[in-house]
Amino acid sequence: MTIEEMKERKRSLGYTYQDIAELSGVPLGTVQKIFGNVTKSPRRETILALEKVLLPQKHAFSYQEIMEADSAGGTVSEAVTPYTSAVSEKKQGEYTLEDYYALPDDHRAELIDGVLYDMTSPTTTHQTIALQISYQLLLQSEGHDDCAVFISPVDVQLDCDDRTMVEPDVVILCDLKKNINRCIYGAPDFVLEVLSPSTRSRDLIIKLNKYWHAGCREYWIVDPEDRSVTVYDFEHERMGLHYTFADTVPVAISGDQCSIDFRKIAQQLDRFASFQK
């Protein structure tokens, strides 16, 4: 993409410079200089990182492209150290579900396009947010048997192949035939991830792309650090809608009949914080 094409894509998506910086991993000042034509010849790695955010939606990233974006954003360091001889014989990008299931039971990991990523234990803040959201969803889903709410840990065999198994924080599944007990087999309708330092760039770039192209209808990214919520309504092509923890955020796949009151979540987090001072 040319810089002018990126500018047009930025306008069509409604992104701010801050949005692009957060999604791409490129420093805000660098983004501003590139789009302001101050930097005439940006580095190739920087252009690749920006393209991952601004490319048209039908573009499917290759494994090599994702690895290049990871190198720019630092997510390669998240890959797990193999634990068995069978796993250690392979390189990142070659792992399968057989290797995934060979990991120790007490070790959490995700498999994405043949790459194993380590998953550290969530913080209490992370757990509070995920539990509060799932609780509100469950309350509002009472009497409606067409969809089900799941919370991590739950395996999602996203592409129905042996190279990807993700573990979202909160899932809504409306095609209940995809619940095969062992895992959710195929793309859920709604996926939510709570950002943490170890998964931030993965959730913002790699999994955004994966959920999009797998056929998920809606993806939420919740950032505990700045108490923000970013909504990708893939079904209606409304991308990067921004909310805060002072908002009530509608769930698009419900026809906006269901929503999450983040003020209640903020109150709970504030209550916990008062005991930590």
Protein backbone atom coordinates (compact mmCIF):
# COMPACT_ATOMS: atom_id res chain seq x y z
CA MET A 1 0.00 0.00 0.00
CA THR A 2 1.12 3.56 -0.69
CA ILE A 3 0.96 6.19 2.04
CA GLU A 4 -1.96 7.84 0.22
CA GLU A 5 -3.83 4.51 0.14
CA MET A 6 -3.19 4.14 3.87
CA LYS A 7 -4.56 7.63 4.51
CA GLU A 8 -7.74 6.82 2.59
CA ARG A 9 -8.10 3.50 4.43
CA LYS A 10 -7.61 5.30 7.74
CA ARG A 11 -10.43 7.71 6.88
CA SER A 12 -12.79 4.93 5.77
CA LEU A 13 -12.19 2.96 8.98
CA GLY A 14 -12.50 6.03 11.18
CA TYR A 15 -9.19 5.30 12.92
CA THR A 16 -7.25 7.91 14.85
CA TYR A 17 -3.45 8.04 14.90
CA GLN A 18 -3.61 6.59 18.42
CA ASP A 19 -5.74 3.66 17.15
CA ILE A 20 -3.24 2.86 14.43
CA ALA A 21 -0.31 3.12 16.84
CA GLU A 22 -1.94 0.74 19.33
CA LEU A 23 -3.02 -1.79 16.69
CA SER A 24 0.25 -1.79 14.75
CA GLY A 25 2.79 -1.44 17.54
CA VAL A 26 4.32 1.55 15.71
CA PRO A 27 5.06 4.52 18.04
CA LEU A 28 2.46 7.29 17.88
CA GLY A 29 5.04 9.90 16.88
CA THR A 30 6.21 7.73 13.98
CA VAL A 31 2.63 7.23 12.77
CA GLN A 32 1.99 10.97 12.86
CA LYS A 33 5.18 11.76 10.93
CA ILE A 34 4.42 9.17 8.24
CA PHE A 35 0.84 10.30 7.69
CA GLY A 36 1.90 13.96 7.88
CA ASN A 37 4.51 13.37 5.14
CA VAL A 38 7.31 14.37 7.49
CA THR A 39 8.98 10.97 7.11
CA LYS A 40 9.55 10.53 3.37
CA SER A 41 11.00 7.00 3.36
CA PRO A 42 9.60 4.89 6.23
CA ARG A 43 11.32 1.62 7.10
CA ARG A 44 9.95 -1.50 5.42
CA GLU A 45 9.20 -3.08 8.80
CA THR A 46 7.14 -0.02 9.74
CA ILE A 47 5.15 -0.13 6.49
CA LEU A 48 4.44 -3.85 6.99
CA ALA A 49 3.17 -3.21 10.51
CA LEU A 50 0.87 -0.42 9.30
CA GLU A 51 -0.43 -2.56 6.44
CA LYS A 52 -1.50 -5.26 8.89
CA VAL A 53 -3.93 -2.73 10.32
CA LEU A 54 -4.99 -0.92 7.16
CA LEU A 55 -5.14 -3.57 4.44
CA PRO A 56 -8.63 -4.19 2.99
CA GLN A 57 -10.62 -6.77 4.93
CA LYS A 58 -10.53 -9.53 2.32
CA HIS A 59 -6.74 -9.73 2.50
CA ALA A 60 -5.64 -12.92 4.24
CA PHE A 61 -2.23 -12.65 5.88
CA SER A 62 0.28 -15.39 5.17
CA TYR A 63 2.33 -17.04 7.89
CA GLN A 64 5.41 -15.14 6.68
CA GLU A 65 3.56 -11.81 6.82
CA ILE A 66 2.32 -12.46 10.33
CA MET A 67 5.81 -13.41 11.47
CA GLU A 68 7.15 -10.16 9.99
CA ALA A 69 4.49 -8.20 11.85
CA ASP A 70 5.31 -10.12 15.02
CA SER A 71 8.97 -9.26 14.68
CA ALA A 72 8.07 -5.60 14.53
CA GLY A 73 5.65 -5.86 17.43
CA GLY A 74 7.62 -8.25 19.62
CA THR A 75 5.14 -11.11 19.84
CA VAL A 76 7.58 -13.78 18.68
CA SER A 77 9.07 -13.74 22.16
CA GLU A 78 5.73 -15.00 23.46
CA ALA A 79 6.15 -18.38 21.76
CA VAL A 80 6.45 -21.25 24.20
CA THR A 81 9.51 -23.30 24.95
CA PRO A 82 8.65 -26.84 23.81
CA TYR A 83 8.22 -29.36 26.62
CA THR A 84 8.44 -32.73 24.87
CA SER A 85 10.90 -34.29 22.46
CA ALA A 86 8.15 -34.57 19.85
CA VAL A 87 7.46 -30.86 20.03
CA SER A 88 11.09 -29.79 20.22
CA GLU A 89 11.89 -31.48 16.90
CA LYS A 90 9.76 -28.93 15.08
CA LYS A 91 10.11 -25.24 14.30
CA GLN A 92 7.57 -22.53 15.00
CA GLY A 93 4.98 -22.68 12.22
CA GLU A 94 5.11 -26.48 12.03
CA TYR A 95 3.25 -27.44 15.20
CA THR A 96 -0.11 -29.25 15.09
CA LEU A 97 -2.85 -30.21 17.52
CA GLU A 98 -0.89 -33.35 18.34
CA ASP A 99 1.87 -31.14 19.76
CA TYR A 100 -0.68 -28.90 21.45
CA TYR A 101 -2.22 -31.84 23.30
CA ALA A 102 1.27 -33.14 24.18
CA LEU A 103 1.94 -30.10 26.38
CA PRO A 104 1.66 -30.66 30.14
CA ASP A 105 -1.87 -30.33 31.52
CA ASP A 106 -0.85 -27.43 33.75
CA HIS A 107 0.63 -25.41 30.89
CA ARG A 108 -1.69 -23.02 29.03
CA ALA A 109 -0.88 -22.25 25.42
CA GLU A 110 -2.51 -21.30 22.14
CA LEU A 111 -1.76 -22.72 18.71
CA ILE A 112 -2.12 -20.23 15.82
CA ASP A 113 -1.17 -21.24 12.30
CA GLY A 114 1.34 -23.77 13.59
CA VAL A 115 2.91 -21.41 16.14
CA LEU A 116 2.66 -22.19 19.86
CA TYR A 117 2.20 -19.19 22.16
CA ASP A 118 2.61 -19.26 25.91
CA MET A 119 -0.31 -18.09 28.05
CA THR A 120 0.57 -16.87 31.52
CA SER A 121 -1.93 -17.05 34.36
CA PRO A 122 -4.40 -14.15 34.23
CA THR A 123 -4.33 -11.38 36.84
CA THR A 124 -7.24 -10.84 39.21
CA THR A 125 -8.16 -7.71 37.23
CA HIS A 126 -8.28 -9.79 34.05
CA GLN A 127 -10.46 -12.41 35.73
CA THR A 128 -12.79 -9.82 37.26
CA ILE A 129 -13.47 -8.23 33.88
CA ALA A 130 -14.05 -11.54 32.08
CA LEU A 131 -16.30 -12.90 34.85
CA GLN A 132 -18.35 -9.71 35.14
CA ILE A 133 -18.91 -9.61 31.37
CA SER A 134 -19.92 -13.27 31.20
CA TYR A 135 -22.22 -12.80 34.22
CA GLN A 136 -24.03 -9.88 32.55
CA LEU A 137 -24.33 -11.87 29.32
CA LEU A 138 -25.74 -14.88 31.17
CA LEU A 139 -28.34 -12.78 32.97
CA GLN A 140 -29.53 -11.26 29.71
CA SER A 141 -29.58 -14.59 27.89
CA GLU A 142 -32.00 -16.25 30.31
CA GLY A 143 -34.99 -17.55 28.40
CA HIS A 144 -33.09 -17.55 25.11
CA ASP A 145 -31.89 -21.02 24.17
CA ASP A 146 -30.50 -20.17 20.73
CA CYS A 147 -27.08 -19.05 22.01
CA ALA A 148 -24.66 -20.05 24.78
CA VAL A 149 -21.99 -18.13 26.71
CA PHE A 150 -18.59 -19.69 27.47
CA ILE A 151 -15.66 -18.35 29.49
CA SER A 152 -11.98 -19.28 29.40
CA PRO A 153 -10.55 -21.84 29.55
CA VAL A 154 -12.40 -23.11 26.49
CA ASP A 155 -10.67 -24.43 23.36
CA VAL A 156 -11.82 -23.05 20.01
CA GLN A 157 -10.68 -24.98 16.93
CA LEU A 158 -11.15 -21.83 14.92
CA ASP A 159 -10.27 -22.95 11.38
CA CYS A 160 -11.44 -26.56 11.77
CA ASP A 161 -7.90 -27.72 10.98
CA ASP A 162 -5.01 -29.11 13.05
CA ARG A 163 -2.92 -25.91 13.07
CA THR A 164 -4.98 -23.52 15.19
CA MET A 165 -6.54 -23.78 18.66
CA VAL A 166 -7.27 -20.53 20.48
CA GLU A 167 -8.60 -19.83 23.96
CA PRO A 168 -10.66 -16.61 24.04
CA ASP A 169 -11.67 -15.02 27.34
CA VAL A 170 -15.40 -14.89 26.57
CA VAL A 171 -17.35 -16.54 23.74
CA ILE A 172 -20.95 -16.45 22.52
CA LEU A 173 -21.93 -19.39 20.34
CA CYS A 174 -25.22 -19.37 18.46
CA ASP A 175 -24.64 -22.42 16.26
CA LEU A 176 -24.73 -24.93 19.10
CA LYS A 177 -23.78 -27.80 16.79
CA LYS A 178 -20.25 -26.36 16.95
CA ASN A 179 -20.12 -27.30 20.65
CA ILE A 180 -18.59 -30.79 20.39
CA ASN A 181 -17.69 -30.94 24.11
CA ARG A 182 -13.95 -31.32 23.46
CA CYS A 183 -13.95 -27.81 22.06
CA ILE A 184 -15.89 -25.32 19.98
CA TYR A 185 -15.33 -26.53 16.44
CA GLY A 186 -15.38 -23.52 14.12
CA ALA A 187 -15.82 -19.78 14.50
CA PRO A 188 -17.96 -18.50 17.40
CA ASP A 189 -20.36 -15.63 16.76
CA PHE A 190 -18.87 -13.34 19.40
CA VAL A 191 -15.36 -13.31 20.85
CA LEU A 192 -13.91 -11.10 23.59
CA GLU A 193 -10.29 -10.79 24.70
CA VAL A 194 -9.04 -8.94 27.77
CA LEU A 195 -5.58 -7.56 27.03
CA SER A 196 -2.60 -8.46 29.17
CA PRO A 197 1.09 -7.55 28.67
CA SER A 198 1.94 -11.04 27.37
CA THR A 199 -0.91 -11.22 24.83
CA ARG A 200 -1.46 -7.59 23.86
CA SER A 201 0.05 -7.53 20.38
CA ARG A 202 -1.25 -11.02 19.63
CA ASP A 203 -4.83 -10.01 20.46
CA LEU A 204 -4.56 -6.67 18.63
CA ILE A 205 -3.05 -7.98 15.40
CA ILE A 206 -2.88 -11.75 14.89
CA LYS A 207 -6.14 -12.79 16.54
CA LEU A 208 -8.01 -9.81 15.12
CA ASN A 209 -7.07 -11.09 11.67
CA LYS A 210 -7.83 -14.72 12.55
CA TYR A 211 -11.28 -14.04 14.02
CA TRP A 212 -12.14 -11.79 11.08
CA HIS A 213 -11.30 -14.28 8.36
CA ALA A 214 -12.60 -17.33 10.24
CA GLY A 215 -16.10 -15.86 10.14
CA CYS A 216 -16.65 -14.48 13.64
CA ARG A 217 -19.38 -11.87 13.57
CA GLU A 218 -18.10 -9.64 16.38
CA TYR A 219 -14.83 -9.13 18.31
CA TRP A 220 -14.29 -7.04 21.44
CA ILE A 221 -10.90 -6.03 22.84
CA VAL A 222 -10.97 -4.83 26.46
CA ASP A 223 -7.94 -2.91 27.70
CA PRO A 224 -7.72 -2.80 31.53
CA GLU A 225 -4.85 -0.29 31.45
CA ASP A 226 -6.76 2.61 29.94
CA ARG A 227 -10.20 1.12 30.67
CA SER A 228 -11.27 1.12 27.06
CA VAL A 229 -13.27 -1.23 24.83
CA THR A 230 -12.73 -1.57 21.09
CA VAL A 231 -15.50 -3.26 19.10
CA TYR A 232 -15.13 -4.84 15.66
CA ASP A 233 -18.59 -5.51 14.26
CA PHE A 234 -17.44 -7.62 11.30
CA GLU A 235 -20.97 -8.49 10.25
CA HIS A 236 -21.91 -4.87 9.60
CA GLU A 237 -18.38 -3.71 8.72
CA ARG A 238 -18.23 -1.29 11.64
CA MET A 239 -14.61 -1.39 12.69
CA GLY A 240 -12.77 -0.04 15.72
CA LEU A 241 -15.72 1.44 17.62
CA HIS A 242 -14.32 2.90 20.84
CA TYR A 243 -15.91 2.96 24.29
CA THR A 244 -14.75 3.48 27.86
CA PHE A 245 -15.59 1.91 31.20
CA ALA A 246 -18.09 4.75 31.67
CA ASP A 247 -20.22 3.36 28.83
CA THR A 248 -22.83 0.70 28.28
CA VAL A 249 -21.70 -1.18 25.17
CA PRO A 250 -24.29 -2.89 22.93
CA VAL A 251 -23.69 -6.41 21.61
CA ALA A 252 -24.22 -6.13 17.86
CA ILE A 253 -25.06 -9.79 17.21
CA SER A 254 -28.03 -9.44 19.57
CA GLY A 255 -29.44 -6.59 17.52
CA ASP A 256 -28.30 -4.33 20.38
CA GLN A 257 -30.87 -5.99 22.69
CA CYS A 258 -28.01 -7.16 24.92
CA SER A 259 -25.34 -4.85 26.35
CA ILE A 260 -22.54 -4.71 28.90
CA ASP A 261 -22.55 -2.00 31.56
CA PHE A 262 -18.86 -1.32 32.09
CA ARG A 263 -19.64 1.13 34.89
CA LYS A 264 -20.40 -1.86 37.11
CA ILE A 265 -17.08 -3.42 36.17
CA ALA A 266 -15.24 -0.16 36.92
CA GLN A 267 -16.91 0.01 40.33
CA GLN A 268 -15.76 -3.51 41.13
CA LEU A 269 -12.19 -2.77 40.06
CA ASP A 270 -12.19 0.45 42.10
CA ARG A 271 -13.40 -1.46 45.15
CA PHE A 272 -10.53 -3.94 44.84
CA ALA A 273 -8.03 -1.14 44.26
CA SER A 274 -9.08 0.57 47.48
CA PHE A 275 -7.80 -2.43 49.44
CA GLN A 276 -4.49 -2.48 47.57
CA LYS A 277 -3.37 1.03 48.56
